[in-house]
C-alpha atoms as a PDB file:
ATOM      1  CA  MET A   1      -0.001  -0.025   0.250  1.00  0.00           C
ATOM      2  CA  GLY A   2       1.295   3.409  -0.544  1.00  0.00           C
ATOM      3  CA  ARG A   3       0.870   6.544   0.516  1.00  0.00           C
ATOM      4  CA  LEU A   4      -0.223  10.315  -0.058  1.00  0.00           C
ATOM      5  CA  ILE A   5       2.976  12.516   0.327  1.00  0.00           C
ATOM      6  CA  ALA A   6       1.449  15.843  -0.829  1.00  0.00           C
ATOM      7  CA  ILE A   7      -0.853  18.189  -2.437  1.00  0.00           C
ATOM      8  CA  ALA A   8      -1.108  21.123  -4.256  1.00  0.00           C
ATOM      9  CA  CYS A   9      -3.151  23.267  -6.347  1.00  0.00           C
ATOM     10  CA  ALA A  10      -3.080  26.142  -9.002  1.00  0.00           C
ATOM     11  CA  PRO A  11      -5.044  29.050  -8.101  1.00  0.00           C
ATOM     12  CA  ALA A  12      -4.934  30.465 -11.503  1.00  0.00           C
ATOM     13  CA  LYS A  13      -3.600  28.801 -14.971  1.00  0.00           C
ATOM     14  CA  ARG A  14       0.573  29.011 -14.743  1.00  0.00           C
ATOM     15  CA  ALA A  15       0.031  30.370 -11.498  1.00  0.00           C
ATOM     16  CA  PRO A  16       2.789  29.006  -8.740  1.00  0.00           C
ATOM     17  CA  LEU A  17       1.439  25.956  -7.126  1.00  0.00           C
ATOM     18  CA  VAL A  18       0.472  26.137  -3.447  1.00  0.00           C
ATOM     19  CA  GLU A  19       1.223  23.226  -1.306  1.00  0.00           C
ATOM     20  CA  GLN A  20      -1.614  22.329   1.457  1.00  0.00           C
ATOM     21  CA  PRO A  21      -1.904  19.349   4.214  1.00  0.00           C
ATOM     22  CA  GLU A  22      -5.262  18.632   3.009  1.00  0.00           C
ATOM     23  CA  ALA A  23      -8.188  19.165  -0.060  1.00  0.00           C
ATOM     24  CA  LEU A  24     -11.523  18.714  -0.686  1.00  0.00           C
ATOM     25  CA  VAL A  25     -12.275  16.484  -3.677  1.00  0.00           C
ATOM     26  CA  SER A  26     -15.353  16.651  -5.763  1.00  0.00           C
ATOM     27  CA  VAL A  27     -16.679  14.807  -8.925  1.00  0.00           C
ATOM     28  CA  ALA A  28     -17.412  18.375 -10.242  1.00  0.00           C
ATOM     29  CA  GLY A  29     -14.425  20.270  -9.597  1.00  0.00           C
ATOM     30  CA  GLY A  30     -11.564  17.796  -8.702  1.00  0.00           C
ATOM     31  CA  ILE A  31      -9.402  19.354  -5.843  1.00  0.00           C
ATOM     32  CA  ALA A  32     -11.284  22.755  -4.760  1.00  0.00           C
ATOM     33  CA  GLY A  33      -9.068  25.723  -5.293  1.00  0.00           C
ATOM     34  CA  ASP A  34      -7.532  24.318  -8.345  1.00  0.00           C
ATOM     35  CA  VAL A  35      -7.994  26.008 -11.839  1.00  0.00           C
ATOM     36  CA  ARG A  36      -7.769  22.883 -13.764  1.00  0.00           C
ATOM     37  CA  GLY A  37     -10.050  20.693 -11.453  1.00  0.00           C
ATOM     38  CA  PRO A  38     -13.655  21.219 -13.683  1.00  0.00           C
ATOM     39  CA  LYS A  39     -11.923  19.928 -16.686  1.00  0.00           C
ATOM     40  CA  ARG A  40     -13.405  16.454 -17.131  1.00  0.00           C
ATOM     41  CA  GLY A  41     -10.198  14.006 -18.420  1.00  0.00           C
ATOM     42  CA  ARG A  42      -7.535  16.098 -16.322  1.00  0.00           C
ATOM     43  CA  GLN A  43      -9.340  16.857 -13.346  1.00  0.00           C
ATOM     44  CA  ILE A  44      -6.036  15.699 -10.905  1.00  0.00           C
ATOM     45  CA  THR A  45      -2.776  14.866 -11.949  1.00  0.00           C
ATOM     46  CA  MET A  46      -0.790  12.715  -9.699  1.00  0.00           C
ATOM     47  CA  LEU A  47       3.152  12.272  -9.720  1.00  0.00           C
ATOM     48  CA  PHE A  48       4.797   9.269  -8.156  1.00  0.00           C
ATOM     49  CA  ARG A  49       7.765   9.997  -6.228  1.00  0.00           C
ATOM     50  CA  GLU A  50       9.844   7.126  -7.719  1.00  0.00           C
ATOM     51  CA  GLY A  51       9.348   8.194 -11.074  1.00  0.00           C
ATOM     52  CA  TRP A  52      10.153  11.787 -10.126  1.00  0.00           C
ATOM     53  CA  GLU A  53      13.292  11.014  -8.586  1.00  0.00           C
ATOM     54  CA  ALA A  54      14.223   8.967 -11.301  1.00  0.00           C
ATOM     55  CA  ALA A  55      14.154  11.939 -13.515  1.00  0.00           C
ATOM     56  CA  CYS A  56      16.049  14.046 -11.079  1.00  0.00           C
ATOM     57  CA  LEU A  57      18.686  11.126 -10.920  1.00  0.00           C
ATOM     58  CA  ASP A  58      18.770  11.531 -14.749  1.00  0.00           C
ATOM     59  CA  LEU A  59      19.428  15.366 -14.715  1.00  0.00           C
ATOM     60  CA  GLY A  60      21.780  15.260 -11.498  1.00  0.00           C
ATOM     61  CA  ALA A  61      19.532  18.039  -9.754  1.00  0.00           C
ATOM     62  CA  ALA A  62      17.055  17.915  -6.785  1.00  0.00           C
ATOM     63  CA  LEU A  63      14.106  19.819  -7.759  1.00  0.00           C
ATOM     64  CA  PRO A  64      11.112  20.312  -5.597  1.00  0.00           C
ATOM     65  CA  TRP A  65       8.030  18.094  -7.083  1.00  0.00           C
ATOM     66  CA  VAL A  66       5.855  20.706  -7.710  1.00  0.00           C
ATOM     67  CA  THR A  67       8.060  21.801 -10.417  1.00  0.00           C
ATOM     68  CA  ARG A  68       6.183  19.515 -12.390  1.00  0.00           C
ATOM     69  CA  ARG A  69       3.149  20.916 -11.614  1.00  0.00           C
ATOM     70  CA  ALA A  70       1.123  18.026 -10.443  1.00  0.00           C
ATOM     71  CA  ASN A  71      -1.628  17.848  -7.964  1.00  0.00           C
ATOM     72  CA  LEU A  72      -0.602  14.939  -5.624  1.00  0.00           C
ATOM     73  CA  LEU A  73       2.330  13.378  -4.784  1.00  0.00           C
ATOM     74  CA  VAL A  74       2.316   9.561  -3.672  1.00  0.00           C
ATOM     75  CA  GLU A  75       4.790   6.633  -2.988  1.00  0.00           C
ATOM     76  CA  GLY A  76       4.725   3.088  -2.427  1.00  0.00           C
ATOM     77  CA  VAL A  77       2.107   2.124  -5.664  1.00  0.00           C
ATOM     78  CA  ALA A  78       3.081   1.278  -9.101  1.00  0.00           C
ATOM     79  CA  THR A  79       1.806   3.794 -11.890  1.00  0.00           C
ATOM     80  CA  PRO A  80      -1.313   2.544 -12.936  1.00  0.00           C
ATOM     81  CA  ARG A  81      -2.372   2.931 -16.830  1.00  0.00           C
ATOM     82  CA  GLU A  82      -5.570   4.172 -18.366  1.00  0.00           C
ATOM     83  CA  GLY A  83      -8.681   2.857 -16.808  1.00  0.00           C
ATOM     84  CA  GLY A  84      -6.631   2.088 -13.559  1.00  0.00           C
ATOM     85  CA  ARG A  85      -8.072   3.047 -10.151  1.00  0.00           C
ATOM     86  CA  LEU A  86      -6.820   4.341  -6.942  1.00  0.00           C
ATOM     87  CA  ALA A  87      -8.216   5.125  -3.704  1.00  0.00           C
ATOM     88  CA  ILE A  88      -7.002   7.502  -1.319  1.00  0.00           C
ATOM     89  CA  GLY A  89      -8.802   7.557   1.865  1.00  0.00           C
ATOM     90  CA  GLY A  90     -12.331   7.534   0.515  1.00  0.00           C
ATOM     91  CA  VAL A  91     -11.812   9.324  -2.908  1.00  0.00           C
ATOM     92  CA  ILE A  92     -11.523   7.078  -5.518  1.00  0.00           C
ATOM     93  CA  LEU A  93      -9.834   8.452  -8.863  1.00  0.00           C
ATOM     94  CA  GLU A  94      -9.555   7.050 -12.256  1.00  0.00           C
ATOM     95  CA  VAL A  95      -6.890   7.371 -14.575  1.00  0.00           C
ATOM     96  CA  THR A  96      -7.228   8.771 -18.018  1.00  0.00           C
ATOM     97  CA  GLY A  97      -3.797   8.668 -19.231  1.00  0.00           C
ATOM     98  CA  GLU A  98      -0.510   9.596 -19.052  1.00  0.00           C
ATOM     99  CA  THR A  99       0.670  13.586 -17.820  1.00  0.00           C
ATOM    100  CA  TYR A 100       2.902  14.200 -20.954  1.00  0.00           C
ATOM    101  CA  PRO A 101       5.676  16.557 -20.096  1.00  0.00           C
ATOM    102  CA  CYS A 102       5.097  20.020 -22.020  1.00  0.00           C
ATOM    103  CA  HIS A 103       7.451  22.882 -22.475  1.00  0.00           C
ATOM    104  CA  LEU A 104       6.934  24.453 -19.121  1.00  0.00           C
ATOM    105  CA  MET A 105       8.987  21.255 -17.705  1.00  0.00           C
ATOM    106  CA  GLU A 106      11.869  22.381 -19.928  1.00  0.00           C
ATOM    107  CA  ALA A 107      11.508  26.078 -18.950  1.00  0.00           C
ATOM    108  CA  ALA A 108      11.307  24.929 -15.331  1.00  0.00           C
ATOM    109  CA  HIS A 109      15.012  22.770 -15.879  1.00  0.00           C
ATOM    110  CA  ARG A 110      16.936  22.065 -19.206  1.00  0.00           C
ATOM    111  CA  GLY A 111      16.343  18.442 -19.881  1.00  0.00           C
ATOM    112  CA  LEU A 112      13.417  17.769 -17.641  1.00  0.00           C
ATOM    113  CA  ARG A 113      11.016  17.129 -20.207  1.00  0.00           C
ATOM    114  CA  GLU A 114      13.155  14.392 -21.629  1.00  0.00           C
ATOM    115  CA  ALA A 115      13.961  12.890 -18.423  1.00  0.00           C
ATOM    116  CA  LEU A 116      10.039  12.662 -17.614  1.00  0.00           C
ATOM    117  CA  THR A 117       9.308  10.959 -20.820  1.00  0.00           C
ATOM    118  CA  PRO A 118      10.031   7.135 -20.068  1.00  0.00           C
ATOM    119  CA  ASP A 119       7.670   4.891 -18.320  1.00  0.00           C
ATOM    120  CA  TRP A 120       5.182   7.512 -17.477  1.00  0.00           C
ATOM    121  CA  ARG A 121       7.565   9.209 -15.299  1.00  0.00           C
ATOM    122  CA  GLY A 122       5.737  12.738 -15.561  1.00  0.00           C
ATOM    123  CA  GLY A 123       2.657  10.837 -13.607  1.00  0.00           C
ATOM    124  CA  VAL A 124      -1.175  10.433 -14.741  1.00  0.00           C
ATOM    125  CA  THR A 125      -4.154  12.532 -15.285  1.00  0.00           C
ATOM    126  CA  CYS A 126      -7.587  11.403 -13.501  1.00  0.00           C
ATOM    127  CA  ASN A 127     -11.208  11.863 -13.059  1.00  0.00           C
ATOM    128  CA  VAL A 128     -13.027  11.512 -10.003  1.00  0.00           C
ATOM    129  CA  VAL A 129     -15.306   8.953  -9.395  1.00  0.00           C
ATOM    130  CA  THR A 130     -15.997   9.491  -5.715  1.00  0.00           C
ATOM    131  CA  GLY A 131     -15.552  12.818  -3.680  1.00  0.00           C
ATOM    132  CA  GLY A 132     -14.373  13.395  -0.221  1.00  0.00           C
ATOM    133  CA  THR A 133     -11.412  14.865   1.774  1.00  0.00           C
ATOM    134  CA  ILE A 134      -7.886  13.743   1.376  1.00  0.00           C
ATOM    135  CA  ALA A 135      -5.022  14.438   3.378  1.00  0.00           C
ATOM    136  CA  ALA A 136      -0.885  13.971   3.549  1.00  0.00           C
ATOM    137  CA  GLY A 137      -0.315  10.862   5.021  1.00  0.00           C
ATOM    138  CA  ASP A 138      -3.258   9.286   3.849  1.00  0.00           C
ATOM    139  CA  ALA A 139      -3.423   5.687   2.276  1.00  0.00           C
ATOM    140  CA  VAL A 140      -3.072   5.087  -1.128  1.00  0.00           C
ATOM    141  CA  GLU A 141      -4.138   1.766  -2.767  1.00  0.00           C
ATOM    142  CA  SER A 142      -4.720   0.256  -6.171  1.00  0.00           C
ATOM    143  CA  LEU A 143      -8.304  -1.088  -7.100  1.00  0.00           C
ATOM    144  CA  PRO A 144      -9.158  -4.242  -9.194  1.00  0.00           C
END
């Protein structure tokens, strides 16, 4: 079983991410206060610590996880593929696809876009299936 390490949201498009200890998650709006939350297919983005650390190792850099601009940082659970479901506390998320690294990653650190490309290191996009409240430290598990 994995663990939710951190939560962040972007209050406006391209605004710096704001870390928070907990978040309200809804089917209609994703993470409360996040500009991307209402966008179906990409309500929440999730980054996996192991993939992030591998990308940083390739770069020889220790970058803050929010550089990736993901909403959730988790560890200890395999990166699910499209259609996979994850439970974080009582919240259930369904993976809609890979979060493809964009030009913003290259602007943040030279080579980051390429370092995030292998094996879904950039994380996944999700829709909210069941809403609720999540907090750093919550258990994360893959669902059948």
